[in-house]
Amino acid sequence: MGNENEIKDLVQSKSAFLPEEIQDLSAARHVYSLDDEFSKTKKNRSLLFPFIVLAFMSVLVLAAVGITKYTEWKQQKAVLSITEFDDLKLGELLSGAKKFQGQLKNAQTELESLRKKMDEEMSAAGSPSERNKIRSKYQGRIGSKEREIASLEKEMQSYDFKLEQTVKKAEEMVNNYKRLHELKMNEQRDQIILKYNPKYDNARLNAVIHASTSPAVKRGDPSKLYQQLAAKKLITAAGAEKLKRGVDNQLLIMDRLLQIPYVNSVRPSLAQMHHLMKSSANDYETLVTALFSLTQRQEAAIRGYQYALEQYGRQNRESGFIVDARDSDSIRVYVSKVLKVRSGDRAMVFREDDQYIGTIEFYMAGGEIRAKRVELAGINTFHPFDKILIKQQGE
């Protein structure tokens, strides 16, 4: 039974890899040819593809060239060039000086060692002749070493001199670059100053800003004037306060701007604006005060005329009369305060008790009674003090 199961598993495994139907192996087969496939591909190939590739490569080349040129330009713009310091060969001088310093130190050590050995041997010698031999033995070597040391010291002095000169040149280069940097910074500073502190080239404008601001203008106190205007209802109390606060705020801003250290044409412009603002405010308030005073005098004169007209009307027992009829559509009239005249009421006008001149119609204009001509009798015209006989509506 176990063998049967193994056979079934083998058949199932084989069916997973082999097709259910195996074609006839002797039948004609289709042969895959590379030449045929390439010829088909050649026929289907688009002519646009080479141009796209060429354009892409051109873009890459141009980008590479642009980046290279930009990098070279940035390097050329560098203020301090390292190659200029390389030309000084400061590194070589330092290396040479260090080398000779080491050789000098070794030579001095060797000389000290020779002298020490000579002293030790001479101390151990028993006779003067032996000591002379020892001295002769070391004298040549010691002299040679001393000459070597002298030569090295001379070389060291030469290198010290060259190094000192090179350091001076380096300092001069640094100072030159520093001065160049300061010049550029000053130039940029001047450009910035001119940008925000320009110099005017207009002759009229320069004449205005440089005009004298002496004597200094002192700001007056317009509170009394505003109170008088408010009392006459020419301006509200809130409006008067707003006007005064607006002028004061402008002067406050100008005072603060003048504390900023502006230069060139800006400084005199602010000073002149400050002077003109205070002067104009004072002149405006002086003008308004004068106009208000004139208005008060005119009001007093008008009150006198009104009193005279009222007295004339009482004495002649008239309800009213013509005052000024030069404008037939806006005739000024006097009407007794006893009468209540409304817009639309009409009145007949007489010169004598029986001489009819014409008819007028009343209307209100700015709180004042005015009249307009309705008709005239014949060739007559209205004259001042022509009598008015009022006929109110409904009569």
Protein backbone atom coordinates (compact mmCIF):
# COMPACT_ATOMS: atom_id res chain seq x y z
CA MET A 1 0.00 0.00 0.00
CA GLY A 2 2.79 2.39 0.69
CA ASN A 3 4.26 1.86 -2.79
CA GLU A 4 0.96 2.81 -4.39
CA ASN A 5 0.96 6.16 -2.60
CA GLU A 6 4.50 6.88 -3.71
CA ILE A 7 3.53 6.14 -7.35
CA LYS A 8 0.56 8.52 -7.13
CA ASP A 9 2.77 11.32 -5.73
CA LEU A 10 5.25 10.79 -8.52
CA VAL A 11 2.55 11.06 -11.18
CA GLN A 12 1.18 14.26 -9.60
CA SER A 13 4.65 15.81 -9.43
CA LYS A 14 5.32 15.02 -13.04
CA SER A 15 2.01 16.54 -14.13
CA ALA A 16 3.03 19.85 -12.54
CA PHE A 17 6.01 20.18 -14.89
CA LEU A 18 4.79 18.43 -18.06
CA PRO A 19 1.82 19.55 -20.15
CA GLU A 20 -1.21 17.32 -20.34
CA GLU A 21 -0.71 16.79 -24.07
CA ILE A 22 2.73 16.29 -25.54
CA GLN A 23 2.93 17.39 -29.11
CA ASP A 24 4.35 15.24 -31.84
CA LEU A 25 8.10 15.56 -31.70
CA SER A 26 8.41 14.77 -35.36
CA ALA A 27 6.14 17.67 -36.39
CA ALA A 28 7.59 20.84 -37.98
CA ARG A 29 8.95 23.35 -35.44
CA HIS A 30 9.25 27.14 -35.52
CA VAL A 31 12.92 28.13 -35.46
CA TYR A 32 13.81 31.43 -33.61
CA SER A 33 16.09 33.54 -35.84
CA LEU A 34 18.02 36.58 -34.46
CA ASP A 35 18.41 38.03 -37.95
CA ASP A 36 14.65 37.95 -38.53
CA GLU A 37 13.97 39.56 -35.15
CA PHE A 38 16.54 42.35 -35.72
CA SER A 39 15.06 43.08 -39.15
CA LYS A 40 11.59 43.38 -37.58
CA THR A 41 12.93 45.67 -34.86
CA LYS A 42 14.68 47.83 -37.45
CA LYS A 43 11.40 48.32 -39.31
CA ASN A 44 9.55 49.32 -36.12
CA ARG A 45 12.28 51.67 -34.79
CA SER A 46 11.28 55.36 -34.38
CA LEU A 47 13.53 58.09 -35.84
CA LEU A 48 12.70 60.38 -32.89
CA PHE A 49 14.67 58.34 -30.37
CA PRO A 50 18.21 59.31 -31.59
CA PHE A 51 17.27 62.99 -31.46
CA ILE A 52 15.97 62.63 -27.89
CA VAL A 53 19.20 60.94 -26.81
CA LEU A 54 21.28 63.59 -28.56
CA ALA A 55 19.31 66.42 -26.90
CA PHE A 56 19.67 64.81 -23.46
CA MET A 57 23.44 64.44 -23.89
CA SER A 58 23.69 68.07 -25.05
CA VAL A 59 21.87 69.25 -21.92
CA LEU A 60 24.24 67.26 -19.72
CA VAL A 61 27.30 68.69 -21.46
CA LEU A 62 26.00 72.28 -21.20
CA ALA A 63 25.17 71.81 -17.53
CA ALA A 64 28.64 70.45 -16.82
CA VAL A 65 30.30 73.34 -18.66
CA GLY A 66 28.11 75.87 -16.85
CA ILE A 67 28.89 74.46 -13.43
CA THR A 68 32.62 74.41 -14.25
CA LYS A 69 32.60 78.03 -15.43
CA TYR A 70 30.63 79.14 -12.37
CA THR A 71 33.09 77.40 -10.04
CA GLU A 72 36.05 79.03 -11.78
CA TRP A 73 34.36 82.42 -11.55
CA LYS A 74 33.72 82.01 -7.83
CA GLN A 75 37.34 81.04 -7.26
CA GLN A 76 38.56 84.09 -9.18
CA LYS A 77 36.34 86.31 -7.03
CA ALA A 78 38.12 85.22 -3.85
CA VAL A 79 39.77 88.20 -2.23
CA LEU A 80 42.71 86.40 -0.66
CA SER A 81 44.57 83.93 -2.91
CA ILE A 82 46.46 81.05 -1.29
CA THR A 83 48.85 80.81 -4.26
CA GLU A 84 50.18 84.27 -3.48
CA PHE A 85 51.30 83.02 -0.09
CA ASP A 86 52.75 79.91 -1.72
CA ASP A 87 54.95 82.19 -3.83
CA LEU A 88 56.59 83.39 -0.63
CA LYS A 89 57.83 79.81 0.05
CA LEU A 90 57.29 80.35 3.73
CA GLY A 91 56.86 76.65 4.29
CA GLU A 92 60.18 75.83 2.66
CA LEU A 93 61.97 78.44 4.77
CA LEU A 94 60.45 77.08 7.96
CA SER A 95 61.40 73.52 6.98
CA GLY A 96 64.97 74.60 6.14
CA ALA A 97 65.35 76.53 9.38
CA LYS A 98 64.05 73.58 11.37
CA LYS A 99 66.47 71.26 9.57
CA PHE A 100 69.52 73.44 10.26
CA GLN A 101 68.38 73.95 13.83
CA GLY A 102 68.34 70.19 14.33
CA GLN A 103 71.79 69.82 12.75
CA LEU A 104 73.15 72.63 14.94
CA LYS A 105 71.77 71.03 18.05
CA ASN A 106 73.32 67.67 17.13
CA ALA A 107 76.68 69.31 16.37
CA GLN A 108 76.64 71.13 19.69
CA THR A 109 75.83 67.87 21.48
CA GLU A 110 78.67 66.09 19.69
CA LEU A 111 81.10 68.92 20.52
CA GLU A 112 80.12 68.74 24.18
CA SER A 113 80.60 64.98 24.10
CA LEU A 114 84.11 65.30 22.55
CA ARG A 115 85.15 67.82 25.15
CA LYS A 116 83.83 65.64 27.95
CA LYS A 117 85.70 62.58 26.69
CA MET A 118 88.92 64.58 26.31
CA ASP A 119 88.61 65.87 29.87
CA GLU A 120 87.98 62.38 31.21
CA GLU A 121 90.97 60.90 29.39
CA MET A 122 93.24 63.76 30.41
CA SER A 123 92.17 63.29 34.03
CA ALA A 124 93.10 59.61 33.81
CA ALA A 125 96.50 60.30 32.15
CA GLY A 126 99.54 59.97 34.44
CA SER A 127 102.10 62.20 32.71
CA PRO A 128 102.13 65.48 30.84
CA SER A 129 103.21 63.76 27.66
CA GLU A 130 100.15 61.53 27.72
CA ARG A 131 97.95 64.53 28.28
CA ASN A 132 99.54 66.28 25.30
CA LYS A 133 98.88 63.25 23.14
CA ILE A 134 95.26 63.20 24.25
CA ARG A 135 94.89 66.94 23.56
CA SER A 136 96.40 66.49 20.09
CA LYS A 137 94.08 63.58 19.49
CA TYR A 138 90.90 65.59 20.20
CA GLN A 139 92.02 69.04 19.11
CA GLY A 140 91.50 68.45 15.37
CA ARG A 141 88.13 66.81 15.87
CA ILE A 142 86.99 69.56 18.24
CA GLY A 143 88.15 72.27 15.80
CA SER A 144 86.36 70.59 12.92
CA LYS A 145 83.14 70.38 14.96
CA GLU A 146 83.47 74.03 16.01
CA ARG A 147 83.87 75.08 12.37
CA GLU A 148 80.81 72.98 11.50
CA ILE A 149 78.84 74.69 14.26
CA ALA A 150 79.96 78.13 13.07
CA SER A 151 78.87 77.26 9.52
CA LEU A 152 75.49 76.05 10.76
CA GLU A 153 75.03 79.17 12.87
CA LYS A 154 75.78 81.28 9.80
CA GLU A 155 73.20 79.32 7.80
CA MET A 156 70.72 79.77 10.62
CA GLN A 157 71.31 83.53 10.61
CA SER A 158 70.74 83.56 6.85
CA TYR A 159 67.49 81.63 7.24
CA ASP A 160 66.43 83.88 10.12
CA PHE A 161 66.99 86.94 7.91
CA LYS A 162 65.08 85.38 4.98
CA LEU A 163 62.31 84.29 7.31
CA GLU A 164 62.07 87.77 8.81
CA GLN A 165 61.86 89.34 5.34
CA THR A 166 59.26 86.81 4.23
CA VAL A 167 57.15 87.43 7.32
CA LYS A 168 57.30 91.17 6.59
CA LYS A 169 56.14 90.55 3.03
CA ALA A 170 53.34 88.33 4.30
CA GLU A 171 52.30 91.03 6.75
CA GLU A 172 52.34 93.60 3.94
CA MET A 173 50.17 91.32 1.81
CA VAL A 174 47.72 90.82 4.65
CA ASN A 175 47.66 94.56 5.33
CA ASN A 176 47.08 95.27 1.63
CA TYR A 177 44.20 92.81 1.54
CA LYS A 178 42.89 94.31 4.75
CA ARG A 179 43.01 97.82 3.30
CA LEU A 180 41.35 96.55 0.11
CA HIS A 181 38.65 94.90 2.20
CA GLU A 182 38.14 98.11 4.17
CA LEU A 183 37.87 100.10 0.94
CA LYS A 184 35.25 97.70 -0.39
CA MET A 185 33.38 97.77 2.91
CA ASN A 186 33.47 101.58 2.91
CA GLU A 187 32.25 101.60 -0.67
CA GLN A 188 29.37 99.27 0.21
CA ARG A 189 28.61 101.36 3.28
CA ASP A 190 28.52 104.53 1.18
CA GLN A 191 26.22 102.81 -1.30
CA ILE A 192 23.87 101.74 1.49
CA ILE A 193 23.96 105.22 3.01
CA LEU A 194 23.14 106.80 -0.35
CA LYS A 195 20.33 104.32 -0.87
CA TYR A 196 18.55 105.25 2.37
CA ASN A 197 20.01 108.76 2.72
CA PRO A 198 19.96 110.17 -0.82
CA LYS A 199 21.35 113.48 -1.99
CA TYR A 200 18.78 115.54 -3.88
CA ASP A 201 19.88 116.88 -7.26
CA ASN A 202 16.82 119.10 -7.76
CA ALA A 203 17.69 122.77 -7.32
CA ARG A 204 14.23 123.82 -6.15
CA LEU A 205 14.01 120.95 -3.68
CA ASN A 206 17.44 121.76 -2.25
CA ALA A 207 16.44 125.40 -1.88
CA VAL A 208 13.37 124.33 0.11
CA ILE A 209 15.08 121.93 2.51
CA HIS A 210 18.00 124.28 3.15
CA ALA A 211 15.82 127.32 3.81
CA SER A 212 16.26 128.94 7.19
CA THR A 213 14.30 127.45 10.09
CA SER A 214 15.12 130.34 12.40
CA PRO A 215 13.65 131.55 14.58
CA ALA A 216 12.29 128.31 15.97
CA VAL A 217 8.51 128.09 15.81
CA LYS A 218 6.72 127.39 19.07
CA ARG A 219 3.49 125.46 18.96
CA GLY A 220 0.53 127.52 20.17
CA ASP A 221 -2.35 126.24 22.28
CA PRO A 222 -5.50 126.07 20.11
CA SER A 223 -7.76 124.83 22.92
CA LYS A 224 -9.55 128.16 23.35
CA LEU A 225 -10.21 128.42 19.61
CA TYR A 226 -11.66 124.91 19.45
CA GLN A 227 -13.90 125.65 22.44
CA GLN A 228 -15.24 128.76 20.73
CA LEU A 229 -15.91 126.85 17.51
CA ALA A 230 -17.67 124.10 19.45
CA ALA A 231 -19.77 126.70 21.32
CA LYS A 232 -20.94 128.08 17.96
CA LYS A 233 -21.60 124.51 16.79
CA LEU A 234 -19.16 124.99 13.93
CA ILE A 235 -17.40 121.83 15.08
CA THR A 236 -18.20 119.16 17.65
CA ALA A 237 -16.11 118.73 20.78
CA ALA A 238 -15.00 115.30 19.54
CA GLY A 239 -14.07 116.75 16.14
CA ALA A 240 -12.05 119.54 17.77
CA GLU A 241 -10.17 117.04 19.94
CA LYS A 242 -9.49 114.80 16.93
CA LEU A 243 -8.10 117.74 14.93
CA LYS A 244 -5.85 118.85 17.80
CA ARG A 245 -4.65 115.28 18.47
CA GLY A 246 -3.88 114.73 14.78
CA VAL A 247 -1.58 117.75 14.63
CA ASP A 248 0.11 116.82 17.93
CA ASN A 249 0.69 113.22 16.75
CA GLN A 250 2.32 114.41 13.51
CA LEU A 251 4.71 116.60 15.48
CA LEU A 252 5.42 113.73 17.88
CA ILE A 253 6.42 111.46 14.98
CA MET A 254 8.63 114.16 13.49
CA ASP A 255 10.34 114.72 16.85
CA ARG A 256 11.21 111.01 16.96
CA LEU A 257 12.47 110.91 13.36
CA LEU A 258 14.77 113.84 14.06
CA GLN A 259 16.50 111.74 16.73
CA ILE A 260 17.68 109.26 14.07
CA PRO A 261 21.15 110.19 12.71
CA TYR A 262 20.13 110.59 9.09
CA VAL A 263 22.64 112.26 6.74
CA ASN A 264 22.77 113.92 3.30
CA SER A 265 19.43 115.39 2.21
CA VAL A 266 17.24 113.40 4.60
CA ARG A 267 18.26 115.26 7.75
CA PRO A 268 17.50 118.80 6.48
CA SER A 269 14.30 117.47 4.86
CA LEU A 270 13.00 116.22 8.21
CA ALA A 271 14.05 119.42 9.97
CA GLN A 272 12.31 121.54 7.32
CA MET A 273 9.17 119.37 7.45
CA HIS A 274 9.09 119.72 11.23
CA HIS A 275 9.44 123.49 10.95
CA LEU A 276 6.79 123.75 8.23
CA MET A 277 4.33 121.54 10.11
CA LYS A 278 4.50 123.68 13.24
CA SER A 279 4.43 126.89 11.23
CA SER A 280 1.50 125.72 9.08
CA ALA A 281 -0.46 124.54 12.11
CA ASN A 282 0.05 127.88 13.82
CA ASP A 283 -0.82 129.80 10.63
CA TYR A 284 -3.94 127.71 10.11
CA GLU A 285 -5.11 128.29 13.67
CA THR A 286 -4.32 132.01 13.36
CA LEU A 287 -6.37 132.15 10.16
CA VAL A 288 -9.30 130.33 11.75
CA THR A 289 -9.11 132.67 14.75
CA ALA A 290 -9.21 135.68 12.42
CA LEU A 291 -12.14 134.26 10.47
CA PHE A 292 -13.98 133.46 13.69
CA SER A 293 -13.39 137.02 14.92
CA LEU A 294 -14.66 138.39 11.59
CA THR A 295 -17.73 136.18 11.81
CA GLN A 296 -18.46 137.44 15.30
CA ARG A 297 -18.27 141.05 14.10
CA GLN A 298 -20.52 140.30 11.15
CA GLU A 299 -22.99 138.53 13.43
CA ALA A 300 -23.02 141.60 15.68
CA ALA A 301 -23.71 143.81 12.64
CA ILE A 302 -26.48 141.49 11.45
CA ARG A 303 -28.06 141.54 14.89
CA GLY A 304 -28.04 145.34 14.70
CA TYR A 305 -29.77 145.28 11.31
CA GLN A 306 -32.30 142.77 12.62
CA TYR A 307 -33.05 145.04 15.57
CA ALA A 308 -33.54 148.00 13.26
CA LEU A 309 -35.87 146.00 10.99
CA GLU A 310 -37.88 144.78 13.96
CA GLN A 311 -38.24 148.32 15.29
CA TYR A 312 -39.24 149.60 11.83
CA GLY A 313 -41.86 146.84 11.50
CA ARG A 314 -43.37 147.60 14.93
CA GLN A 315 -43.53 151.30 14.26
CA ASN A 316 -45.27 150.85 10.87
CA ARG A 317 -47.37 147.87 12.01
CA GLU A 318 -46.17 145.75 9.11
CA SER A 319 -46.09 141.93 9.06
CA GLY A 320 -42.99 142.01 6.86
CA PHE A 321 -41.21 143.57 3.91
CA ILE A 322 -38.67 142.94 1.19
CA VAL A 323 -35.00 143.29 2.21
CA ASP A 324 -33.01 142.22 -0.92
CA ALA A 325 -34.70 141.13 -4.16
CA ARG A 326 -31.72 141.12 -6.52
CA ASP A 327 -32.01 137.35 -6.88
CA SER A 328 -35.63 136.60 -7.79
CA ASP A 329 -35.26 132.96 -6.72
CA SER A 330 -33.63 133.77 -3.37
CA ILE A 331 -35.27 136.94 -2.08
CA ARG A 332 -34.28 137.98 1.41
CA VAL A 333 -37.29 139.07 3.47
CA TYR A 334 -38.13 140.25 6.97
CA VAL A 335 -41.15 138.62 8.62
CA SER A 336 -42.44 139.55 12.05
CA LYS A 337 -41.63 136.99 14.71
CA VAL A 338 -45.29 136.96 15.69
CA LEU A 339 -46.20 135.23 12.44
CA LYS A 340 -45.50 131.54 11.80
CA VAL A 341 -44.52 131.22 8.16
CA ARG A 342 -44.13 127.79 6.54
CA SER A 343 -42.65 126.67 3.24
CA GLY A 344 -45.24 127.09 0.52
CA ASP A 345 -47.01 130.08 2.10
CA ARG A 346 -47.50 133.01 -0.26
CA ALA A 347 -47.63 136.76 0.21
CA MET A 348 -48.67 139.74 -1.86
CA VAL A 349 -46.25 142.61 -2.14
CA PHE A 350 -47.38 146.29 -2.04
CA ARG A 351 -45.39 149.50 -2.37
CA GLU A 352 -48.10 151.67 -0.97
CA ASP A 353 -51.25 150.51 0.67
CA ASP A 354 -52.96 150.17 -2.70
CA GLN A 355 -50.09 149.66 -5.20
CA TYR A 356 -49.85 145.91 -5.90
CA ILE A 357 -46.36 144.85 -7.05
CA GLY A 358 -46.54 141.06 -7.23
CA THR A 359 -46.64 137.75 -5.35
CA ILE A 360 -43.89 135.71 -3.62
CA GLU A 361 -43.73 132.23 -2.11
CA PHE A 362 -41.77 131.41 1.05
CA TYR A 363 -39.38 128.53 1.61
CA MET A 364 -36.72 127.59 4.17
CA ALA A 365 -33.01 127.74 3.24
CA GLY A 366 -30.44 126.80 5.90
CA GLY A 367 -32.81 127.65 8.75
CA GLU A 368 -33.61 131.04 7.20
CA ILE A 369 -36.83 132.23 5.55
CA ARG A 370 -36.36 133.02 1.88
CA ALA A 371 -38.82 133.75 -0.93
CA LYS A 372 -39.03 133.37 -4.66
CA ARG A 373 -40.97 135.42 -7.17
CA VAL A 374 -44.26 133.99 -8.34
CA GLU A 375 -45.56 136.93 -10.42
CA LEU A 376 -45.07 140.62 -11.06
CA ALA A 377 -47.72 143.17 -11.93
CA GLY A 378 -46.82 144.90 -15.16
CA ILE A 379 -43.27 146.16 -15.41
CA ASN A 380 -42.83 146.50 -11.70
CA THR A 381 -39.90 145.07 -9.73
CA PHE A 382 -39.50 144.36 -6.06
CA HIS A 383 -37.74 147.07 -4.02
CA PRO A 384 -36.36 147.04 -0.48
CA PHE A 385 -39.03 147.81 2.15
CA ASP A 386 -41.92 146.87 -0.16
CA LYS A 387 -44.65 145.69 2.22
CA ILE A 388 -45.64 142.01 2.51
CA LEU A 389 -49.20 140.85 3.12
CA ILE A 390 -48.92 137.19 4.08
CA LYS A 391 -51.54 134.74 2.97
CA GLN A 392 -50.94 131.38 4.63
CA GLN A 393 -52.00 128.08 3.13
CA GLY A 394 -55.68 127.25 3.68
CA GLU A 395 -56.80 130.85 3.72
